[in-house]
Amino acid sequence: MGAYQHILLAVDFMPGVEQVCGRARELGKCTGARLSVIHVIEPVIMAPPYEGMPSLPVDFEQQMLKSAQDSLKQLVDKEGIEGASWSVEVGSVKWTIIEHAREQDVDLIIIGSHGRHGLERLLGSTANAVLHAAPCDVLAVHIDN
C-alpha cells in the first residue's frame, strides 16, 4: 500500500482537539494527502414539552448547525489546515463519519480519543465505534488530559 491519498479528520470541539488537528496536519504534509475535516451533530428530537418545560425554538437545529459551521471554520483557520475541505453534518456521529469516508474515498480517518470508562477507556466510544466499522485505516490520537 502506498502513501495515504485522502485523510478525513473527524473533530469535536472538546479540549485537546488541537492535538488531533496537529497530527492530521503533520500526516497530510508528510504524505501529500488531501485533507478533509468533518464535525457531526446529533439530530435534535423535537418532542412536545411537558407542562412547565420550555419548548425548543423551531429553528434550534439550524442555529446549532450554523454555530458548528462557524466553530469549524475558526478551528480550521486557527490550526493552519490550509486547503482542507470541511463540512458539518447532522446524523449519527459514527455512521456519518463512516459514510462520509466511503463516499469520499478516504483511506485514513483521524479521530481523537478521550474515553475514560470501562472498555471505552482504551479508545473512547466514538473512536472505538469508528475503528470497528470503518472502510479504511483509523488513527486514534490519544488526547492528553
N, C-alpha and C. Protein backbone atom coordinates (compact mmCIF):
# COMPACT_ATOMS: atom_id res chain seq x y z
N MET A 1 0.85 -1.18 0.00
CA MET A 1 0.00 0.00 0.00
C MET A 1 0.89 1.24 0.00
N GLY A 2 0.55 2.21 -0.81
CA GLY A 2 1.31 3.45 -0.89
C GLY A 2 0.92 4.43 0.19
N ALA A 3 1.36 5.64 0.02
CA ALA A 3 1.04 6.70 0.97
C ALA A 3 -0.46 7.01 0.93
N TYR A 4 -0.94 7.56 2.00
CA TYR A 4 -2.34 7.95 2.05
C TYR A 4 -2.61 9.05 1.03
N GLN A 5 -3.77 8.96 0.40
CA GLN A 5 -4.18 9.94 -0.61
C GLN A 5 -5.21 10.93 -0.08
N HIS A 6 -6.10 10.45 0.80
CA HIS A 6 -7.18 11.30 1.31
C HIS A 6 -7.40 10.99 2.79
N ILE A 7 -7.15 11.97 3.63
CA ILE A 7 -7.29 11.84 5.08
C ILE A 7 -8.54 12.59 5.53
N LEU A 8 -9.37 11.92 6.33
CA LEU A 8 -10.54 12.55 6.92
C LEU A 8 -10.27 12.78 8.40
N LEU A 9 -10.29 14.02 8.80
CA LEU A 9 -10.12 14.41 10.20
C LEU A 9 -11.50 14.63 10.80
N ALA A 10 -11.88 13.79 11.76
CA ALA A 10 -13.17 13.91 12.42
C ALA A 10 -12.95 14.62 13.75
N VAL A 11 -13.60 15.76 13.94
CA VAL A 11 -13.35 16.56 15.14
C VAL A 11 -14.62 16.81 15.93
N ASP A 12 -14.40 16.96 17.24
CA ASP A 12 -15.41 17.54 18.12
C ASP A 12 -14.77 18.84 18.61
N PHE A 13 -15.39 19.50 19.48
CA PHE A 13 -14.82 20.75 19.98
C PHE A 13 -14.42 20.62 21.44
N MET A 14 -14.06 19.41 21.84
CA MET A 14 -13.64 19.13 23.21
C MET A 14 -12.19 19.59 23.40
N PRO A 15 -11.79 19.80 24.65
CA PRO A 15 -10.38 20.13 24.89
C PRO A 15 -9.46 19.06 24.30
N GLY A 16 -8.38 19.49 23.70
CA GLY A 16 -7.43 18.56 23.10
C GLY A 16 -7.60 18.40 21.61
N VAL A 17 -8.61 19.02 21.03
CA VAL A 17 -8.83 18.88 19.59
C VAL A 17 -7.63 19.40 18.79
N GLU A 18 -6.88 20.33 19.39
CA GLU A 18 -5.70 20.88 18.71
C GLU A 18 -4.65 19.80 18.46
N GLN A 19 -4.51 18.85 19.40
CA GLN A 19 -3.57 17.74 19.23
C GLN A 19 -3.95 16.90 18.01
N VAL A 20 -5.23 16.63 17.86
CA VAL A 20 -5.71 15.81 16.76
C VAL A 20 -5.50 16.55 15.44
N CYS A 21 -5.80 17.83 15.42
CA CYS A 21 -5.60 18.64 14.22
C CYS A 21 -4.12 18.67 13.84
N GLY A 22 -3.25 18.83 14.83
CA GLY A 22 -1.82 18.86 14.57
C GLY A 22 -1.33 17.56 13.95
N ARG A 23 -1.81 16.43 14.45
CA ARG A 23 -1.40 15.14 13.90
C ARG A 23 -1.87 15.01 12.46
N ALA A 24 -3.11 15.43 12.17
CA ALA A 24 -3.63 15.36 10.80
C ALA A 24 -2.84 16.28 9.88
N ARG A 25 -2.54 17.46 10.35
CA ARG A 25 -1.77 18.43 9.56
C ARG A 25 -0.39 17.85 9.21
N GLU A 26 0.28 17.26 10.21
CA GLU A 26 1.61 16.67 10.00
C GLU A 26 1.55 15.51 9.00
N LEU A 27 0.59 14.62 9.18
CA LEU A 27 0.48 13.48 8.27
C LEU A 27 0.13 13.92 6.86
N GLY A 28 -0.73 14.92 6.75
CA GLY A 28 -1.08 15.44 5.43
C GLY A 28 0.14 16.00 4.72
N LYS A 29 0.98 16.73 5.44
CA LYS A 29 2.20 17.28 4.84
C LYS A 29 3.18 16.18 4.47
N CYS A 30 3.35 15.20 5.33
CA CYS A 30 4.30 14.11 5.08
C CYS A 30 3.91 13.26 3.88
N THR A 31 2.62 13.01 3.74
CA THR A 31 2.15 12.10 2.68
C THR A 31 1.69 12.83 1.43
N GLY A 32 1.44 14.14 1.54
CA GLY A 32 0.89 14.88 0.41
C GLY A 32 -0.58 14.59 0.20
N ALA A 33 -1.23 14.00 1.20
CA ALA A 33 -2.64 13.62 1.08
C ALA A 33 -3.56 14.84 1.10
N ARG A 34 -4.67 14.68 0.43
CA ARG A 34 -5.75 15.66 0.52
C ARG A 34 -6.37 15.51 1.90
N LEU A 35 -6.74 16.63 2.53
CA LEU A 35 -7.29 16.60 3.88
C LEU A 35 -8.71 17.16 3.89
N SER A 36 -9.61 16.40 4.50
CA SER A 36 -10.98 16.84 4.71
C SER A 36 -11.25 16.83 6.21
N VAL A 37 -12.10 17.74 6.67
CA VAL A 37 -12.43 17.83 8.09
C VAL A 37 -13.95 17.73 8.22
N ILE A 38 -14.39 16.92 9.18
CA ILE A 38 -15.83 16.78 9.40
C ILE A 38 -16.14 16.91 10.89
N HIS A 39 -17.27 17.54 11.17
CA HIS A 39 -17.83 17.60 12.52
C HIS A 39 -19.28 17.14 12.37
N VAL A 40 -19.72 16.26 13.25
CA VAL A 40 -21.08 15.72 13.16
C VAL A 40 -21.88 16.14 14.38
N ILE A 41 -23.09 16.61 14.11
CA ILE A 41 -24.04 16.99 15.16
C ILE A 41 -25.13 15.93 15.22
N GLU A 42 -25.39 15.44 16.41
CA GLU A 42 -26.50 14.51 16.59
C GLU A 42 -27.81 15.26 16.34
N PRO A 43 -28.79 14.64 15.66
CA PRO A 43 -30.05 15.33 15.41
C PRO A 43 -30.80 15.63 16.71
N VAL A 44 -31.56 16.70 16.68
CA VAL A 44 -32.35 17.11 17.84
C VAL A 44 -33.73 16.50 17.71
N ILE A 45 -34.16 15.77 18.72
CA ILE A 45 -35.50 15.18 18.73
C ILE A 45 -36.45 16.21 19.33
N MET A 46 -37.42 16.60 18.54
CA MET A 46 -38.37 17.63 19.00
C MET A 46 -39.62 16.94 19.53
N ALA A 47 -39.69 16.78 20.82
CA ALA A 47 -40.87 16.19 21.46
C ALA A 47 -41.71 17.32 22.07
N PRO A 48 -43.01 17.12 22.17
CA PRO A 48 -43.82 18.16 22.80
C PRO A 48 -43.34 18.40 24.23
N PRO A 49 -43.25 19.64 24.64
CA PRO A 49 -42.77 19.93 26.00
C PRO A 49 -43.78 19.48 27.05
N TYR A 50 -43.24 19.08 28.19
CA TYR A 50 -44.11 18.78 29.32
C TYR A 50 -44.52 20.09 29.96
N GLU A 51 -45.57 20.04 30.75
CA GLU A 51 -46.03 21.25 31.43
C GLU A 51 -44.89 21.83 32.26
N GLY A 52 -44.64 23.08 32.10
CA GLY A 52 -43.60 23.76 32.85
C GLY A 52 -42.22 23.65 32.22
N MET A 53 -42.12 22.86 31.17
CA MET A 53 -40.83 22.72 30.48
C MET A 53 -40.88 23.52 29.18
N PRO A 54 -39.94 24.42 28.98
CA PRO A 54 -39.99 25.23 27.76
C PRO A 54 -39.69 24.40 26.52
N SER A 55 -40.29 24.77 25.41
CA SER A 55 -40.01 24.07 24.16
C SER A 55 -38.81 24.72 23.48
N LEU A 56 -38.17 23.96 22.64
CA LEU A 56 -37.04 24.49 21.88
C LEU A 56 -37.55 25.35 20.73
N PRO A 57 -36.80 26.36 20.35
CA PRO A 57 -37.22 27.16 19.19
C PRO A 57 -37.31 26.27 17.95
N VAL A 58 -38.19 26.61 17.05
CA VAL A 58 -38.41 25.82 15.85
C VAL A 58 -37.12 25.68 15.04
N ASP A 59 -36.31 26.71 14.99
CA ASP A 59 -35.09 26.68 14.19
C ASP A 59 -33.85 26.31 15.02
N PHE A 60 -34.04 25.62 16.13
CA PHE A 60 -32.93 25.28 17.03
C PHE A 60 -31.84 24.48 16.32
N GLU A 61 -32.22 23.47 15.54
CA GLU A 61 -31.23 22.65 14.85
C GLU A 61 -30.45 23.48 13.84
N GLN A 62 -31.13 24.39 13.16
CA GLN A 62 -30.45 25.28 12.20
C GLN A 62 -29.47 26.20 12.92
N GLN A 63 -29.85 26.67 14.11
CA GLN A 63 -28.94 27.51 14.89
C GLN A 63 -27.71 26.71 15.32
N MET A 64 -27.92 25.46 15.73
CA MET A 64 -26.80 24.59 16.11
C MET A 64 -25.88 24.35 14.92
N LEU A 65 -26.47 24.11 13.76
CA LEU A 65 -25.70 23.86 12.55
C LEU A 65 -24.86 25.07 12.18
N LYS A 66 -25.45 26.24 12.22
CA LYS A 66 -24.73 27.48 11.88
C LYS A 66 -23.59 27.72 12.88
N SER A 67 -23.86 27.52 14.16
CA SER A 67 -22.84 27.70 15.18
C SER A 67 -21.68 26.72 14.97
N ALA A 68 -22.00 25.47 14.67
CA ALA A 68 -20.97 24.46 14.44
C ALA A 68 -20.15 24.78 13.19
N GLN A 69 -20.80 25.28 12.15
CA GLN A 69 -20.08 25.67 10.93
C GLN A 69 -19.10 26.80 11.23
N ASP A 70 -19.56 27.79 11.98
CA ASP A 70 -18.68 28.90 12.36
C ASP A 70 -17.49 28.41 13.19
N SER A 71 -17.78 27.53 14.15
CA SER A 71 -16.72 26.99 15.01
C SER A 71 -15.73 26.15 14.22
N LEU A 72 -16.22 25.36 13.28
CA LEU A 72 -15.32 24.52 12.49
C LEU A 72 -14.45 25.37 11.57
N LYS A 73 -15.02 26.38 10.97
CA LYS A 73 -14.23 27.29 10.12
C LYS A 73 -13.13 27.94 10.94
N GLN A 74 -13.46 28.41 12.14
CA GLN A 74 -12.46 29.03 13.02
C GLN A 74 -11.36 28.03 13.39
N LEU A 75 -11.74 26.79 13.69
CA LEU A 75 -10.76 25.76 14.06
C LEU A 75 -9.81 25.47 12.89
N VAL A 76 -10.37 25.30 11.69
CA VAL A 76 -9.54 25.02 10.51
C VAL A 76 -8.56 26.17 10.27
N ASP A 77 -9.05 27.39 10.38
CA ASP A 77 -8.18 28.57 10.18
C ASP A 77 -7.11 28.65 11.27
N LYS A 78 -7.53 28.49 12.52
CA LYS A 78 -6.61 28.60 13.66
C LYS A 78 -5.52 27.54 13.62
N GLU A 79 -5.88 26.32 13.21
CA GLU A 79 -4.94 25.20 13.20
C GLU A 79 -4.10 25.15 11.93
N GLY A 80 -4.32 26.10 11.02
CA GLY A 80 -3.49 26.17 9.82
C GLY A 80 -3.64 24.98 8.90
N ILE A 81 -4.85 24.49 8.76
CA ILE A 81 -5.10 23.36 7.87
C ILE A 81 -5.51 23.93 6.51
N GLU A 82 -4.51 24.49 5.83
CA GLU A 82 -4.76 25.16 4.56
C GLU A 82 -5.24 24.18 3.51
N GLY A 83 -6.18 24.62 2.72
CA GLY A 83 -6.65 23.82 1.60
C GLY A 83 -7.56 22.66 1.96
N ALA A 84 -7.85 22.48 3.21
CA ALA A 84 -8.73 21.38 3.61
C ALA A 84 -10.17 21.72 3.28
N SER A 85 -10.90 20.74 2.77
CA SER A 85 -12.33 20.92 2.65
C SER A 85 -12.93 20.57 4.01
N TRP A 86 -14.04 21.17 4.36
CA TRP A 86 -14.63 20.87 5.65
C TRP A 86 -16.15 20.90 5.55
N SER A 87 -16.79 20.14 6.44
CA SER A 87 -18.25 20.11 6.44
C SER A 87 -18.77 19.76 7.83
N VAL A 88 -19.97 20.24 8.08
CA VAL A 88 -20.70 19.89 9.30
C VAL A 88 -21.92 19.11 8.84
N GLU A 89 -22.11 17.93 9.41
CA GLU A 89 -23.22 17.05 9.04
C GLU A 89 -24.09 16.80 10.26
N VAL A 90 -25.35 16.47 10.00
CA VAL A 90 -26.27 16.10 11.07
C VAL A 90 -26.58 14.62 10.92
N GLY A 91 -26.39 13.87 12.00
CA GLY A 91 -26.68 12.45 11.96
C GLY A 91 -25.99 11.72 13.09
N SER A 92 -26.02 10.40 13.03
CA SER A 92 -25.29 9.58 13.99
C SER A 92 -23.81 9.83 13.76
N VAL A 93 -23.07 10.17 14.81
CA VAL A 93 -21.66 10.52 14.65
C VAL A 93 -20.91 9.38 13.97
N LYS A 94 -21.01 8.18 14.51
CA LYS A 94 -20.29 7.03 13.95
C LYS A 94 -20.64 6.80 12.49
N TRP A 95 -21.91 6.66 12.19
CA TRP A 95 -22.32 6.29 10.84
C TRP A 95 -22.10 7.42 9.85
N THR A 96 -22.21 8.65 10.27
CA THR A 96 -21.98 9.77 9.36
C THR A 96 -20.51 9.85 8.97
N ILE A 97 -19.61 9.66 9.94
CA ILE A 97 -18.17 9.66 9.64
C ILE A 97 -17.85 8.52 8.68
N ILE A 98 -18.36 7.35 8.95
CA ILE A 98 -18.08 6.17 8.11
C ILE A 98 -18.63 6.35 6.71
N GLU A 99 -19.85 6.83 6.60
CA GLU A 99 -20.46 7.03 5.29
C GLU A 99 -19.72 8.10 4.49
N HIS A 100 -19.32 9.17 5.17
CA HIS A 100 -18.55 10.23 4.52
C HIS A 100 -17.23 9.66 3.99
N ALA A 101 -16.58 8.83 4.79
CA ALA A 101 -15.32 8.21 4.37
C ALA A 101 -15.52 7.34 3.13
N ARG A 102 -16.60 6.58 3.10
CA ARG A 102 -16.89 5.74 1.93
C ARG A 102 -17.16 6.58 0.69
N GLU A 103 -18.03 7.57 0.85
CA GLU A 103 -18.42 8.40 -0.30
C GLU A 103 -17.26 9.20 -0.88
N GLN A 104 -16.32 9.59 -0.03
CA GLN A 104 -15.22 10.46 -0.47
C GLN A 104 -13.92 9.69 -0.74
N ASP A 105 -13.97 8.37 -0.75
CA ASP A 105 -12.78 7.53 -0.99
C ASP A 105 -11.63 7.89 -0.05
N VAL A 106 -11.95 8.00 1.22
CA VAL A 106 -10.96 8.29 2.25
C VAL A 106 -10.18 7.02 2.55
N ASP A 107 -8.87 7.14 2.73
CA ASP A 107 -8.09 5.95 3.09
C ASP A 107 -7.50 6.02 4.49
N LEU A 108 -7.75 7.12 5.21
CA LEU A 108 -7.36 7.22 6.62
C LEU A 108 -8.31 8.17 7.33
N ILE A 109 -8.87 7.72 8.44
CA ILE A 109 -9.67 8.58 9.31
C ILE A 109 -8.83 8.86 10.54
N ILE A 110 -8.73 10.13 10.91
CA ILE A 110 -8.04 10.52 12.15
C ILE A 110 -9.08 11.06 13.10
N ILE A 111 -9.09 10.52 14.31
CA ILE A 111 -10.10 10.89 15.30
C ILE A 111 -9.44 10.94 16.67
N GLY A 112 -9.92 11.84 17.51
CA GLY A 112 -9.40 11.95 18.87
C GLY A 112 -9.98 10.88 19.76
N SER A 113 -9.23 10.54 20.78
CA SER A 113 -9.67 9.53 21.73
C SER A 113 -9.53 10.07 23.14
N HIS A 114 -10.66 10.24 23.83
CA HIS A 114 -10.59 10.69 25.22
C HIS A 114 -11.59 9.96 26.09
N GLY A 115 -11.85 8.70 25.78
CA GLY A 115 -12.73 7.88 26.61
C GLY A 115 -12.07 7.57 27.94
N ARG A 116 -12.88 7.37 28.96
CA ARG A 116 -12.31 7.19 30.29
C ARG A 116 -12.93 6.05 31.10
N HIS A 117 -13.91 5.33 30.59
CA HIS A 117 -14.60 4.34 31.42
C HIS A 117 -14.64 2.97 30.76
N GLY A 118 -14.39 1.94 31.54
CA GLY A 118 -14.52 0.56 31.07
C GLY A 118 -13.74 0.32 29.79
N LEU A 119 -14.36 -0.42 28.85
CA LEU A 119 -13.71 -0.70 27.58
C LEU A 119 -13.46 0.59 26.80
N GLU A 120 -14.32 1.58 27.01
CA GLU A 120 -14.15 2.85 26.32
C GLU A 120 -12.88 3.56 26.76
N ARG A 121 -12.30 3.15 27.89
CA ARG A 121 -11.07 3.77 28.37
C ARG A 121 -9.96 3.62 27.34
N LEU A 122 -9.97 2.54 26.57
CA LEU A 122 -8.92 2.30 25.58
C LEU A 122 -8.98 3.30 24.43
N LEU A 123 -10.14 3.59 23.92
CA LEU A 123 -10.26 4.44 22.74
C LEU A 123 -11.26 5.58 22.88
N GLY A 124 -12.32 5.38 23.59
CA GLY A 124 -13.43 6.32 23.58
C GLY A 124 -14.54 5.69 22.75
N SER A 125 -15.77 5.96 23.08
CA SER A 125 -16.87 5.26 22.43
C SER A 125 -16.96 5.58 20.94
N THR A 126 -16.81 6.83 20.54
CA THR A 126 -16.91 7.18 19.13
C THR A 126 -15.72 6.63 18.36
N ALA A 127 -14.52 6.83 18.88
CA ALA A 127 -13.32 6.32 18.21
C ALA A 127 -13.40 4.80 18.08
N ASN A 128 -13.83 4.12 19.11
CA ASN A 128 -13.95 2.67 19.09
C ASN A 128 -14.97 2.23 18.05
N ALA A 129 -16.11 2.89 18.00
CA ALA A 129 -17.15 2.54 17.03
C ALA A 129 -16.66 2.76 15.60
N VAL A 130 -15.99 3.86 15.35
CA VAL A 130 -15.48 4.15 14.01
C VAL A 130 -14.42 3.12 13.64
N LEU A 131 -13.52 2.80 14.56
CA LEU A 131 -12.46 1.84 14.31
C LEU A 131 -13.01 0.50 13.82
N HIS A 132 -14.07 0.05 14.45
CA HIS A 132 -14.60 -1.27 14.12
C HIS A 132 -15.49 -1.32 12.88
N ALA A 133 -15.92 -0.17 12.39
CA ALA A 133 -16.81 -0.18 11.23
C ALA A 133 -16.25 0.56 10.02
N ALA A 134 -15.09 1.17 10.15
CA ALA A 134 -14.53 1.99 9.07
C ALA A 134 -14.11 1.16 7.87
N PRO A 135 -14.26 1.74 6.68
CA PRO A 135 -13.84 1.05 5.46
C PRO A 135 -12.35 1.27 5.14
N CYS A 136 -11.61 1.89 6.07
CA CYS A 136 -10.22 2.24 5.82
C CYS A 136 -9.46 2.24 7.15
N ASP A 137 -8.19 2.64 7.10
CA ASP A 137 -7.41 2.74 8.32
C ASP A 137 -7.95 3.84 9.23
N VAL A 138 -7.76 3.68 10.51
CA VAL A 138 -8.17 4.68 11.51
C VAL A 138 -6.99 4.95 12.43
N LEU A 139 -6.71 6.21 12.62
CA LEU A 139 -5.70 6.62 13.58
C LEU A 139 -6.43 7.32 14.74
N ALA A 140 -6.38 6.70 15.91
CA ALA A 140 -6.97 7.30 17.11
C ALA A 140 -5.86 8.03 17.85
N VAL A 141 -5.97 9.34 17.93
CA VAL A 141 -4.96 10.16 18.58
C VAL A 141 -5.33 10.31 20.05
N HIS A 142 -4.46 9.84 20.92
CA HIS A 142 -4.70 9.96 22.36
C HIS A 142 -4.61 11.43 22.76
N ILE A 143 -5.66 11.90 23.41
CA ILE A 143 -5.70 13.29 23.87
C ILE A 143 -5.24 13.34 25.31
N ASP A 144 -4.18 14.10 25.56
CA ASP A 144 -3.69 14.30 26.92
C ASP A 144 -4.67 15.13 27.71
N ASN A 145 -5.00 14.68 28.89
CA ASN A 145 -5.93 15.46 29.74
C ASN A 145 -5.22 16.04 30.92
